[in-house]
C-alpha atoms as a PDB file:
ATOM      1  CA  UNK A   1     288.847-105.553 137.872  1.00  0.00           C
ATOM      2  CA  UNK A   2     290.639-105.233 141.174  1.00  0.00           C
ATOM      3  CA  UNK A   3     294.263-106.325 141.493  1.00  0.00           C
ATOM      4  CA  UNK A   4     296.658-106.430 144.403  1.00  0.00           C
ATOM      5  CA  UNK A   5     300.408-106.695 144.031  1.00  0.00           C
ATOM      6  CA  UNK A   6     303.450-107.096 146.183  1.00  0.00           C
ATOM      7  CA  UNK A   7     306.557-105.130 145.397  1.00  0.00           C
ATOM      8  CA  UNK A   8     310.110-106.421 145.187  1.00  0.00           C
ATOM      9  CA  UNK A   9     312.940-103.925 145.174  1.00  0.00           C
ATOM     10  CA  UNK A  10     314.852-103.603 141.944  1.00  0.00           C
ATOM     11  CA  UNK A  11     317.620-101.449 140.434  1.00  0.00           C
ATOM     12  CA  UNK A  12     317.770 -97.746 139.854  1.00  0.00           C
ATOM     13  CA  UNK A  13     316.765 -96.671 136.342  1.00  0.00           C
ATOM     14  CA  UNK A  14     319.781 -95.801 134.275  1.00  0.00           C
ATOM     15  CA  UNK A  15     317.659 -93.292 132.361  1.00  0.00           C
ATOM     16  CA  UNK A  16     315.944 -91.384 135.196  1.00  0.00           C
ATOM     17  CA  UNK A  17     318.155 -92.461 138.172  1.00  0.00           C
ATOM     18  CA  UNK A  18     314.837 -93.242 140.002  1.00  0.00           C
ATOM     19  CA  UNK A  19     314.193 -96.414 141.981  1.00  0.00           C
ATOM     20  CA  UNK A  20     312.232 -99.093 140.223  1.00  0.00           C
ATOM     21  CA  UNK A  21     310.429-102.195 141.439  1.00  0.00           C
ATOM     22  CA  UNK A  22     309.483-105.646 140.229  1.00  0.00           C
ATOM     23  CA  UNK A  23     306.190-107.334 141.002  1.00  0.00           C
ATOM     24  CA  UNK A  24     306.608-110.167 143.475  1.00  0.00           C
ATOM     25  CA  UNK A  25     302.976-111.376 143.199  1.00  0.00           C
ATOM     26  CA  UNK A  26     299.959-110.188 141.334  1.00  0.00           C
ATOM     27  CA  UNK A  27     296.469-111.307 142.406  1.00  0.00           C
ATOM     28  CA  UNK A  28     292.992-110.656 141.118  1.00  0.00           C
ATOM     29  CA  UNK A  29     290.751-109.753 144.028  1.00  0.00           C
ATOM     30  CA  UNK A  30     287.211-110.911 144.371  1.00  0.00           C
ATOM     31  CA  UNK A  31     285.406-113.459 146.347  1.00  0.00           C
ATOM     32  CA  UNK A  32     288.442-115.737 145.995  1.00  0.00           C
ATOM     33  CA  UNK A  33     291.859-114.201 145.452  1.00  0.00           C
ATOM     34  CA  UNK A  34     293.495-115.668 142.340  1.00  0.00           C
ATOM     35  CA  UNK A  35     297.255-115.478 141.617  1.00  0.00           C
ATOM     36  CA  UNK A  36     297.554-114.035 138.059  1.00  0.00           C
ATOM     37  CA  UNK A  37     301.321-113.278 138.189  1.00  0.00           C
ATOM     38  CA  UNK A  38     301.695-115.225 134.946  1.00  0.00           C
ATOM     39  CA  UNK A  39     299.935-112.443 133.079  1.00  0.00           C
ATOM     40  CA  UNK A  40     302.921-110.040 133.308  1.00  0.00           C
ATOM     41  CA  UNK A  41     306.700-110.212 132.943  1.00  0.00           C
ATOM     42  CA  UNK A  42     307.831-110.215 136.580  1.00  0.00           C
ATOM     43  CA  UNK A  43     311.416-109.394 135.552  1.00  0.00           C
ATOM     44  CA  UNK A  44     310.369-106.010 134.228  1.00  0.00           C
ATOM     45  CA  UNK A  45     311.456-103.001 136.284  1.00  0.00           C
ATOM     46  CA  UNK A  46     308.422-100.765 136.762  1.00  0.00           C
ATOM     47  CA  UNK A  47     308.966 -97.052 137.488  1.00  0.00           C
ATOM     48  CA  UNK A  48     305.646 -96.490 139.186  1.00  0.00           C
ATOM     49  CA  UNK A  49     302.371 -98.189 140.168  1.00  0.00           C
ATOM     50  CA  UNK A  50     300.791 -96.115 137.421  1.00  0.00           C
ATOM     51  CA  UNK A  51     302.970 -97.802 134.808  1.00  0.00           C
ATOM     52  CA  UNK A  52     301.933-101.222 136.205  1.00  0.00           C
ATOM     53  CA  UNK A  53     298.284-100.078 136.084  1.00  0.00           C
ATOM     54  CA  UNK A  54     298.487 -99.070 132.418  1.00  0.00           C
ATOM     55  CA  UNK A  55     300.391-102.257 131.548  1.00  0.00           C
ATOM     56  CA  UNK A  56     297.646-104.397 133.090  1.00  0.00           C
ATOM     57  CA  UNK A  57     294.924-102.515 131.331  1.00  0.00           C
ATOM     58  CA  UNK A  58     296.733-102.951 127.990  1.00  0.00           C
ATOM     59  CA  UNK A  59     297.543-106.602 128.613  1.00  0.00           C
ATOM     60  CA  UNK A  60     293.913-107.428 129.466  1.00  0.00           C
ATOM     61  CA  UNK A  61     292.393-105.268 126.728  1.00  0.00           C
ATOM     62  CA  UNK A  62     290.528-103.103 129.276  1.00  0.00           C
ATOM     63  CA  UNK A  63     290.051 -99.394 129.650  1.00  0.00           C
ATOM     64  CA  UNK A  64     292.439 -98.034 132.323  1.00  0.00           C
ATOM     65  CA  UNK A  65     289.425 -96.883 134.331  1.00  0.00           C
ATOM     66  CA  UNK A  66     288.218-100.487 134.574  1.00  0.00           C
ATOM     67  CA  UNK A  67     291.415-101.596 136.401  1.00  0.00           C
ATOM     68  CA  UNK A  68     291.953-100.932 140.061  1.00  0.00           C
ATOM     69  CA  UNK A  69     295.330-101.648 141.591  1.00  0.00           C
ATOM     70  CA  UNK A  70     296.414-101.733 145.210  1.00  0.00           C
ATOM     71  CA  UNK A  71     299.793-102.546 146.738  1.00  0.00           C
ATOM     72  CA  UNK A  72     299.890-105.058 149.618  1.00  0.00           C
ATOM     73  CA  UNK A  73     302.669-105.978 151.979  1.00  0.00           C
ATOM     74  CA  UNK A  74     304.251-109.307 151.437  1.00  0.00           C
ATOM     75  CA  UNK A  75     303.771-111.785 154.283  1.00  0.00           C
ATOM     76  CA  UNK A  76     306.978-112.424 156.157  1.00  0.00           C
END
């Protein structure tokens, strides 16, 4: 499954002192783009796109290799 997400800036991690991000919008790509933001907790501070990738795979019960994730720029 192909997903696209927009990033919202968040806080620095108190554990790693690295920047984190929250997902602004999550969409399933295909013939018609579908907003699936409700599938995740958008208040969670992700440390990396890889963490979001694994979270999606786990949430959907898919093998990580079956999930494709791409960041898009939010429309202004």
